[in-house]
């Protein structure tokens, strides 16, 4: 079971989620170059140098020992290219997750596959029991991804975004049959 600060790789049918490394910055700068990716989250595309600096900070981990930063890049197995990332900020049994797939790879189901794989990975390989995502109310694609990963919208808002969540200790993760007979 994953319990320390280092994220374990995981796979989905078409993607490999690889722990973030500073060496990914150059290729990810190309993946994330489109300003449209920032329409709902703000900011602007970062240069390879800026991404490298951010990846160094993220790879070093949270300065708060009670919080884990798990970040993965998504490699499309068919062509070996990076297509986006998923991340989880873990505090105890709760993880806040996010996903981004570059525009060149959108419309192929990669975001849904990656987010579902991330939720499954957190459930199976960590102590995480509650998964949370924050989604802009007008971002239909991200809402569809969250729904596919088993998250549901709540009545709670944070910074203009709707809080979505799933208690993975009680609910089945999409794409896997659940057997809860032996659970208290």
Protein backbone atom coordinates (compact mmCIF):
# COMPACT_ATOMS: atom_id res chain seq x y z
CA UNK A 1 0.00 0.00 0.00
CA UNK A 2 1.27 3.45 -0.93
CA UNK A 3 1.87 5.40 2.28
CA UNK A 4 5.03 7.43 1.87
CA UNK A 5 5.63 10.63 -0.09
CA UNK A 6 6.45 9.02 -3.43
CA UNK A 7 3.61 8.25 -5.84
CA UNK A 8 3.50 4.80 -7.41
CA UNK A 9 2.96 4.51 -11.16
CA UNK A 10 -0.33 3.07 -12.36
CA UNK A 11 -1.88 2.12 -15.68
CA UNK A 12 -5.24 2.19 -17.42
CA UNK A 13 -6.13 0.36 -20.63
CA UNK A 14 -4.41 2.99 -22.83
CA UNK A 15 -2.38 5.16 -20.47
CA UNK A 16 0.59 4.86 -18.16
CA UNK A 17 0.58 7.31 -15.25
CA UNK A 18 4.23 7.94 -14.45
CA UNK A 19 5.43 9.78 -11.35
CA UNK A 20 6.29 13.34 -12.27
CA UNK A 21 9.96 13.99 -13.00
CA UNK A 22 11.73 17.25 -13.84
CA UNK A 23 12.79 15.59 -17.12
CA UNK A 24 9.11 15.71 -18.24
CA UNK A 25 9.07 19.53 -18.35
CA UNK A 26 10.18 19.97 -21.96
CA UNK A 27 7.59 17.61 -23.44
CA UNK A 28 4.85 18.79 -21.07
CA UNK A 29 5.45 22.43 -22.08
CA UNK A 30 4.35 21.39 -25.58
CA UNK A 31 1.37 19.39 -24.26
CA UNK A 32 0.15 22.31 -22.13
CA UNK A 33 0.91 25.19 -24.54
CA UNK A 34 -2.72 25.98 -25.47
CA UNK A 35 -4.15 29.01 -23.60
CA UNK A 36 -7.60 27.36 -23.87
CA UNK A 37 -6.48 24.88 -21.17
CA UNK A 38 -6.52 27.79 -18.71
CA UNK A 39 -9.98 29.13 -19.57
CA UNK A 40 -11.57 27.81 -16.37
CA UNK A 41 -8.57 27.68 -14.06
CA UNK A 42 -6.79 30.93 -14.90
CA UNK A 43 -3.15 31.46 -15.62
CA UNK A 44 -1.29 30.99 -18.88
CA UNK A 45 0.90 28.35 -20.49
CA UNK A 46 4.32 28.03 -18.86
CA UNK A 47 7.67 27.76 -20.60
CA UNK A 48 9.72 24.59 -20.25
CA UNK A 49 11.96 26.45 -17.77
CA UNK A 50 9.01 27.55 -15.62
CA UNK A 51 7.57 24.03 -15.71
CA UNK A 52 10.95 22.60 -14.76
CA UNK A 53 11.06 24.88 -11.69
CA UNK A 54 7.49 23.95 -10.75
CA UNK A 55 8.20 20.24 -11.23
CA UNK A 56 11.26 20.56 -8.96
CA UNK A 57 9.06 22.05 -6.23
CA UNK A 58 6.32 19.46 -6.73
CA UNK A 59 8.78 16.56 -6.80
CA UNK A 60 10.35 17.78 -3.55
CA UNK A 61 6.96 17.35 -1.89
CA UNK A 62 4.83 19.44 0.38
CA UNK A 63 6.55 21.47 3.07
CA UNK A 64 3.75 20.24 5.35
CA UNK A 65 4.64 16.70 6.50
CA UNK A 66 0.93 15.91 6.96
CA UNK A 67 0.27 16.52 3.25
CA UNK A 68 1.46 14.45 0.29
CA UNK A 69 1.77 15.75 -3.26
CA UNK A 70 1.33 12.95 -5.77
CA UNK A 71 1.74 13.98 -9.40
CA UNK A 72 1.80 11.85 -12.52
CA UNK A 73 2.23 12.56 -16.23
CA UNK A 74 0.08 10.56 -18.63
CA UNK A 75 1.84 8.65 -21.38
CA UNK A 76 -0.25 7.26 -24.23
CA UNK A 77 1.00 3.71 -24.52
CA UNK A 78 0.25 3.44 -28.27
CA UNK A 79 2.70 6.17 -29.27
CA UNK A 80 4.80 6.79 -26.15
CA UNK A 81 3.92 10.50 -26.04
CA UNK A 82 2.87 12.45 -22.97
CA UNK A 83 -0.71 13.77 -23.15
CA UNK A 84 -1.43 15.42 -19.79
CA UNK A 85 -1.31 14.84 -16.06
CA UNK A 86 -3.27 13.86 -12.97
CA UNK A 87 -2.52 14.87 -9.42
CA UNK A 88 -3.67 14.23 -5.88
CA UNK A 89 -3.01 16.29 -2.78
CA UNK A 90 -3.43 13.80 0.04
CA UNK A 91 -4.07 14.68 3.67
CA UNK A 92 -4.93 11.67 5.79
CA UNK A 93 -7.81 9.77 4.20
CA UNK A 94 -8.79 12.64 1.86
CA UNK A 95 -7.39 13.46 -1.58
CA UNK A 96 -8.08 16.50 -3.70
CA UNK A 97 -7.57 15.54 -7.33
CA UNK A 98 -7.20 17.29 -10.65
CA UNK A 99 -6.56 16.30 -14.26
CA UNK A 100 -5.50 18.04 -17.46
CA UNK A 101 -5.26 16.55 -20.93
CA UNK A 102 -3.68 18.61 -23.69
CA UNK A 103 -6.03 19.86 -26.39
CA UNK A 104 -4.41 17.69 -29.06
CA UNK A 105 -5.48 14.61 -27.06
CA UNK A 106 -8.95 15.74 -26.01
CA UNK A 107 -12.08 14.05 -27.29
CA UNK A 108 -10.58 10.56 -27.06
CA UNK A 109 -11.71 9.69 -23.53
CA UNK A 110 -8.22 10.01 -22.03
CA UNK A 111 -9.32 12.39 -19.25
CA UNK A 112 -12.14 10.07 -18.17
CA UNK A 113 -9.83 7.07 -18.31
CA UNK A 114 -7.09 8.88 -16.36
CA UNK A 115 -9.41 10.27 -13.67
CA UNK A 116 -11.14 6.92 -13.21
CA UNK A 117 -7.76 5.22 -13.02
CA UNK A 118 -6.56 7.77 -10.47
CA UNK A 119 -9.59 7.25 -8.22
CA UNK A 120 -9.18 3.48 -8.49
CA UNK A 121 -5.46 3.75 -7.73
CA UNK A 122 -6.09 5.91 -4.66
CA UNK A 123 -8.72 3.47 -3.43
CA UNK A 124 -6.63 0.36 -3.96
CA UNK A 125 -3.12 1.57 -3.15
CA UNK A 126 -3.52 4.16 -0.39
CA UNK A 127 -5.46 5.03 2.74
CA UNK A 128 -7.57 7.56 0.80
CA UNK A 129 -11.29 7.16 1.39
CA UNK A 130 -12.67 10.51 0.23
CA UNK A 131 -11.79 11.97 -3.17
CA UNK A 132 -12.63 15.61 -3.92
CA UNK A 133 -12.38 17.72 -7.08
CA UNK A 134 -13.25 21.38 -7.61
CA UNK A 135 -14.84 22.15 -10.98
CA UNK A 136 -15.98 25.40 -12.56
CA UNK A 137 -19.78 25.20 -12.98
CA UNK A 138 -19.53 25.98 -16.72
CA UNK A 139 -16.87 23.37 -17.46
CA UNK A 140 -19.09 20.62 -18.85
CA UNK A 141 -16.21 18.42 -20.01
CA UNK A 142 -14.58 18.37 -16.58
CA UNK A 143 -17.94 17.69 -14.95
CA UNK A 144 -18.38 14.69 -17.27
CA UNK A 145 -14.91 13.44 -16.33
CA UNK A 146 -15.67 13.76 -12.60
CA UNK A 147 -18.96 11.94 -13.05
CA UNK A 148 -17.30 9.13 -15.00
CA UNK A 149 -14.76 8.76 -12.16
CA UNK A 150 -17.60 8.31 -9.66
CA UNK A 151 -17.60 11.79 -8.13
CA UNK A 152 -20.87 13.65 -7.57
CA UNK A 153 -21.46 17.40 -7.21
CA UNK A 154 -22.21 18.75 -3.75
CA UNK A 155 -23.89 21.96 -2.64
CA UNK A 156 -20.50 23.26 -1.51
CA UNK A 157 -18.49 25.86 -3.41
CA UNK A 158 -14.89 27.01 -3.14
CA UNK A 159 -13.38 29.90 -5.10
CA UNK A 160 -16.26 29.87 -7.60
CA UNK A 161 -16.04 26.14 -8.20
CA UNK A 162 -18.39 23.32 -7.24
CA UNK A 163 -16.99 20.68 -4.91
CA UNK A 164 -17.43 17.16 -6.27
CA UNK A 165 -16.71 14.11 -4.12
CA UNK A 166 -16.92 10.39 -3.68
CA UNK A 167 -16.44 8.29 -0.57
CA UNK A 168 -14.50 5.43 -2.12
CA UNK A 169 -14.82 3.30 0.99
CA UNK A 170 -18.55 2.99 0.34
CA UNK A 171 -18.94 3.32 -3.41
CA UNK A 172 -17.73 1.27 -6.31
CA UNK A 173 -15.13 2.86 -8.53
CA UNK A 174 -16.27 2.87 -12.17
CA UNK A 175 -14.66 0.20 -14.26
CA UNK A 176 -14.31 -2.29 -11.45
CA UNK A 177 -16.79 -4.59 -9.84
CA UNK A 178 -17.16 -3.91 -6.15
CA UNK A 179 -17.48 -6.45 -3.39
CA UNK A 180 -18.15 -4.87 -0.05
CA UNK A 181 -19.37 -7.98 1.81
CA UNK A 182 -16.25 -8.11 3.98
CA UNK A 183 -16.27 -4.45 4.89
CA UNK A 184 -17.56 -3.21 8.23
